[in-house]
Amino acid sequence: MSQENVEIVRRGFDEFQGGLARGDPGAIFDSGIVAPDAEWIPAPNTPGLRPVYRGREGFVEFMRTWTEDFQWSIDLERVIDAGDDRVVAMFHQRATGKASGATVELHMALLYELENGRVIRMQNFLDPADALEAAGLRA
């Protein structure tokens, strides 16, 4: 099941990117890859964000809040099987402030939890080493 979970996360990212291109970041929920009541957990103490977002509507709200002031993009860099129906994915985000023109880059990671072949929880870590540690892997 481990490699299958890695492929589910990869397909999910492709669905997410396709949805972004169409202006629908919640499209990943429509694909069946993510459970309808899945949780999105932002990095702790991130200003302006709630501790947990649930389901498609919650995820779309998070994305709107996270990206509203920026021209934003994200690339998947690496996907790691963490065992026990968990996958760690490393990402590179780039953003340019809409008003300021300032550019920022961020390497971050998500710890995905899966159940019956669907993502049920995604936990965001601003430091990829923290995601690896949360998954019980060495950084």
C-alpha atoms as a PDB file:
ATOM      1  CA  MET A   1       0.000   0.000   0.000  1.00  0.00           C
ATOM      2  CA  SER A   2       2.953   2.350   0.585  1.00  0.00           C
ATOM      3  CA  GLN A   3       3.765   3.012  -3.063  1.00  0.00           C
ATOM      4  CA  GLU A   4       0.047   3.327  -3.784  1.00  0.00           C
ATOM      5  CA  ASN A   5      -0.198   6.087  -1.157  1.00  0.00           C
ATOM      6  CA  VAL A   6       2.742   7.919  -2.719  1.00  0.00           C
ATOM      7  CA  GLU A   7       0.989   7.762  -6.099  1.00  0.00           C
ATOM      8  CA  ILE A   8      -2.300   8.963  -4.567  1.00  0.00           C
ATOM      9  CA  VAL A   9      -0.519  12.034  -3.186  1.00  0.00           C
ATOM     10  CA  ARG A  10       1.174  12.673  -6.558  1.00  0.00           C
ATOM     11  CA  ARG A  11      -2.167  12.369  -8.406  1.00  0.00           C
ATOM     12  CA  GLY A  12      -3.765  14.614  -5.815  1.00  0.00           C
ATOM     13  CA  PHE A  13      -1.168  17.298  -6.427  1.00  0.00           C
ATOM     14  CA  ASP A  14      -1.797  17.052 -10.174  1.00  0.00           C
ATOM     15  CA  GLU A  15      -5.554  17.429  -9.549  1.00  0.00           C
ATOM     16  CA  PHE A  16      -4.873  20.405  -7.277  1.00  0.00           C
ATOM     17  CA  GLN A  17      -2.671  22.082  -9.916  1.00  0.00           C
ATOM     18  CA  GLY A  18      -5.308  21.463 -12.577  1.00  0.00           C
ATOM     19  CA  GLY A  19      -7.931  22.991 -10.312  1.00  0.00           C
ATOM     20  CA  LEU A  20      -5.742  26.030  -9.668  1.00  0.00           C
ATOM     21  CA  ALA A  21      -5.360  26.540 -13.412  1.00  0.00           C
ATOM     22  CA  ARG A  22      -9.177  26.595 -13.664  1.00  0.00           C
ATOM     23  CA  GLY A  23      -9.548  28.863 -10.626  1.00  0.00           C
ATOM     24  CA  ASP A  24     -10.864  26.000  -8.453  1.00  0.00           C
ATOM     25  CA  PRO A  25      -8.380  25.003  -5.717  1.00  0.00           C
ATOM     26  CA  GLY A  26     -11.017  22.678  -4.235  1.00  0.00           C
ATOM     27  CA  ALA A  27     -11.012  20.454  -7.335  1.00  0.00           C
ATOM     28  CA  ILE A  28      -8.883  17.904  -5.505  1.00  0.00           C
ATOM     29  CA  PHE A  29     -11.966  17.119  -3.387  1.00  0.00           C
ATOM     30  CA  ASP A  30     -14.005  16.426  -6.521  1.00  0.00           C
ATOM     31  CA  SER A  31     -11.466  13.827  -7.671  1.00  0.00           C
ATOM     32  CA  GLY A  32     -12.236  11.418  -4.819  1.00  0.00           C
ATOM     33  CA  ILE A  33      -8.575  11.474  -3.769  1.00  0.00           C
ATOM     34  CA  VAL A  34      -9.405  13.536  -0.696  1.00  0.00           C
ATOM     35  CA  ALA A  35     -12.187  12.507   1.698  1.00  0.00           C
ATOM     36  CA  PRO A  36     -15.092  15.004   1.756  1.00  0.00           C
ATOM     37  CA  ASP A  37     -14.473  15.768   5.450  1.00  0.00           C
ATOM     38  CA  ALA A  38     -10.661  15.822   5.251  1.00  0.00           C
ATOM     39  CA  GLU A  39      -8.802  18.161   7.574  1.00  0.00           C
ATOM     40  CA  TRP A  40      -6.234  20.758   6.519  1.00  0.00           C
ATOM     41  CA  ILE A  41      -4.017  21.783   9.425  1.00  0.00           C
ATOM     42  CA  PRO A  42      -1.897  24.896   8.781  1.00  0.00           C
ATOM     43  CA  ALA A  43       1.455  25.339  10.485  1.00  0.00           C
ATOM     44  CA  PRO A  44       0.934  26.306  14.147  1.00  0.00           C
ATOM     45  CA  ASN A  45       0.605  29.990  14.992  1.00  0.00           C
ATOM     46  CA  THR A  46       0.370  31.148  11.383  1.00  0.00           C
ATOM     47  CA  PRO A  47      -1.118  34.673  11.588  1.00  0.00           C
ATOM     48  CA  GLY A  48      -4.571  35.057  10.065  1.00  0.00           C
ATOM     49  CA  LEU A  49      -5.283  31.317   9.866  1.00  0.00           C
ATOM     50  CA  ARG A  50      -7.490  29.035  11.931  1.00  0.00           C
ATOM     51  CA  PRO A  51      -5.927  25.922  13.497  1.00  0.00           C
ATOM     52  CA  VAL A  52      -8.010  23.538  11.317  1.00  0.00           C
ATOM     53  CA  TYR A  53     -10.005  23.751   8.074  1.00  0.00           C
ATOM     54  CA  ARG A  54     -12.415  20.947   7.142  1.00  0.00           C
ATOM     55  CA  GLY A  55     -13.760  19.744   3.841  1.00  0.00           C
ATOM     56  CA  ARG A  56     -13.798  21.383   0.437  1.00  0.00           C
ATOM     57  CA  GLU A  57     -15.213  24.712   1.627  1.00  0.00           C
ATOM     58  CA  GLY A  58     -12.686  24.962   4.445  1.00  0.00           C
ATOM     59  CA  PHE A  59      -9.799  24.159   2.123  1.00  0.00           C
ATOM     60  CA  VAL A  60     -10.938  26.753  -0.428  1.00  0.00           C
ATOM     61  CA  GLU A  61     -11.212  29.321   2.381  1.00  0.00           C
ATOM     62  CA  PHE A  62      -7.680  28.484   3.520  1.00  0.00           C
ATOM     63  CA  MET A  63      -6.302  28.822  -0.020  1.00  0.00           C
ATOM     64  CA  ARG A  64      -8.059  32.148  -0.539  1.00  0.00           C
ATOM     65  CA  THR A  65      -6.641  33.497   2.738  1.00  0.00           C
ATOM     66  CA  TRP A  66      -3.137  32.098   2.090  1.00  0.00           C
ATOM     67  CA  THR A  67      -2.837  33.460  -1.453  1.00  0.00           C
ATOM     68  CA  GLU A  68      -5.105  36.538  -1.667  1.00  0.00           C
ATOM     69  CA  ASP A  69      -2.288  39.098  -1.499  1.00  0.00           C
ATOM     70  CA  PHE A  70       0.082  37.249  -3.843  1.00  0.00           C
ATOM     71  CA  GLN A  71       0.612  35.870  -7.306  1.00  0.00           C
ATOM     72  CA  TRP A  72       1.375  32.398  -6.033  1.00  0.00           C
ATOM     73  CA  SER A  73       2.723  29.097  -7.335  1.00  0.00           C
ATOM     74  CA  ILE A  74       3.755  25.792  -5.801  1.00  0.00           C
ATOM     75  CA  ASP A  75       5.892  22.909  -7.081  1.00  0.00           C
ATOM     76  CA  LEU A  76       6.082  19.382  -5.744  1.00  0.00           C
ATOM     77  CA  GLU A  77       9.721  18.476  -5.135  1.00  0.00           C
ATOM     78  CA  ARG A  78       9.684  15.095  -3.403  1.00  0.00           C
ATOM     79  CA  VAL A  79       7.263  12.498  -2.022  1.00  0.00           C
ATOM     80  CA  ILE A  80       8.313  10.083   0.722  1.00  0.00           C
ATOM     81  CA  ASP A  81       6.484   7.005   1.996  1.00  0.00           C
ATOM     82  CA  ALA A  82       6.384   7.328   5.786  1.00  0.00           C
ATOM     83  CA  GLY A  83       4.601   4.030   6.445  1.00  0.00           C
ATOM     84  CA  ASP A  84       1.389   3.515   8.412  1.00  0.00           C
ATOM     85  CA  ASP A  85      -0.689   5.178   5.646  1.00  0.00           C
ATOM     86  CA  ARG A  86       1.327   8.400   5.868  1.00  0.00           C
ATOM     87  CA  VAL A  87       3.205  10.278   3.182  1.00  0.00           C
ATOM     88  CA  VAL A  88       5.468  13.326   3.446  1.00  0.00           C
ATOM     89  CA  ALA A  89       5.567  15.662   0.460  1.00  0.00           C
ATOM     90  CA  MET A  90       8.084  18.481   0.052  1.00  0.00           C
ATOM     91  CA  PHE A  91       7.070  21.642  -1.791  1.00  0.00           C
ATOM     92  CA  HIS A  92       8.575  24.880  -3.049  1.00  0.00           C
ATOM     93  CA  GLN A  93       6.286  27.900  -3.000  1.00  0.00           C
ATOM     94  CA  ARG A  94       6.952  31.182  -4.769  1.00  0.00           C
ATOM     95  CA  ALA A  95       4.937  34.339  -4.393  1.00  0.00           C
ATOM     96  CA  THR A  96       5.027  37.947  -5.520  1.00  0.00           C
ATOM     97  CA  GLY A  97       3.087  40.552  -3.548  1.00  0.00           C
ATOM     98  CA  LYS A  98       0.263  41.990  -5.649  1.00  0.00           C
ATOM     99  CA  ALA A  99       0.664  45.451  -4.131  1.00  0.00           C
ATOM    100  CA  SER A 100       4.349  45.494  -3.198  1.00  0.00           C
ATOM    101  CA  GLY A 101       5.934  43.401  -5.929  1.00  0.00           C
ATOM    102  CA  ALA A 102       8.077  41.790  -3.217  1.00  0.00           C
ATOM    103  CA  THR A 103       9.020  38.172  -3.887  1.00  0.00           C
ATOM    104  CA  VAL A 104       9.168  35.383  -1.330  1.00  0.00           C
ATOM    105  CA  GLU A 105      10.069  31.704  -1.527  1.00  0.00           C
ATOM    106  CA  LEU A 106       9.315  28.943   0.928  1.00  0.00           C
ATOM    107  CA  HIS A 107      10.356  25.312   1.123  1.00  0.00           C
ATOM    108  CA  MET A 108       7.723  23.512   3.194  1.00  0.00           C
ATOM    109  CA  ALA A 109       6.190  20.081   3.638  1.00  0.00           C
ATOM    110  CA  LEU A 110       2.900  18.334   4.243  1.00  0.00           C
ATOM    111  CA  LEU A 111       2.285  15.188   6.214  1.00  0.00           C
ATOM    112  CA  TYR A 112      -0.617  13.356   4.562  1.00  0.00           C
ATOM    113  CA  GLU A 113      -2.638  10.729   6.394  1.00  0.00           C
ATOM    114  CA  LEU A 114      -4.621   8.280   4.278  1.00  0.00           C
ATOM    115  CA  GLU A 115      -7.396   5.837   4.981  1.00  0.00           C
ATOM    116  CA  ASN A 116      -8.841   3.376   2.466  1.00  0.00           C
ATOM    117  CA  GLY A 117      -6.915   5.022  -0.370  1.00  0.00           C
ATOM    118  CA  ARG A 118      -8.077   8.589   0.350  1.00  0.00           C
ATOM    119  CA  VAL A 119      -6.422  11.524   2.077  1.00  0.00           C
ATOM    120  CA  ILE A 120      -8.124  12.257   5.408  1.00  0.00           C
ATOM    121  CA  ARG A 121      -5.689  14.793   6.898  1.00  0.00           C
ATOM    122  CA  MET A 122      -3.013  17.144   5.611  1.00  0.00           C
ATOM    123  CA  GLN A 123      -0.730  18.825   8.133  1.00  0.00           C
ATOM    124  CA  ASN A 124       1.404  21.732   6.966  1.00  0.00           C
ATOM    125  CA  PHE A 125       4.961  22.285   8.217  1.00  0.00           C
ATOM    126  CA  LEU A 126       6.953  25.384   7.320  1.00  0.00           C
ATOM    127  CA  ASP A 127      10.177  23.442   7.972  1.00  0.00           C
ATOM    128  CA  PRO A 128      10.388  20.149   6.031  1.00  0.00           C
ATOM    129  CA  ALA A 129      12.519  18.644   8.824  1.00  0.00           C
ATOM    130  CA  ASP A 130       9.570  19.069  11.196  1.00  0.00           C
ATOM    131  CA  ALA A 131       7.321  17.082   8.844  1.00  0.00           C
ATOM    132  CA  LEU A 132       9.865  14.287   8.659  1.00  0.00           C
ATOM    133  CA  GLU A 133      10.157  14.250  12.437  1.00  0.00           C
ATOM    134  CA  ALA A 134       6.355  14.185  12.872  1.00  0.00           C
ATOM    135  CA  ALA A 135       6.277  11.182  10.524  1.00  0.00           C
ATOM    136  CA  GLY A 136       8.941   9.417  12.566  1.00  0.00           C
ATOM    137  CA  LEU A 137      11.597   9.817   9.875  1.00  0.00           C
ATOM    138  CA  ARG A 138      15.018  11.311  10.243  1.00  0.00           C
ATOM    139  CA  ALA A 139      15.419  14.837   8.884  1.00  0.00           C
END
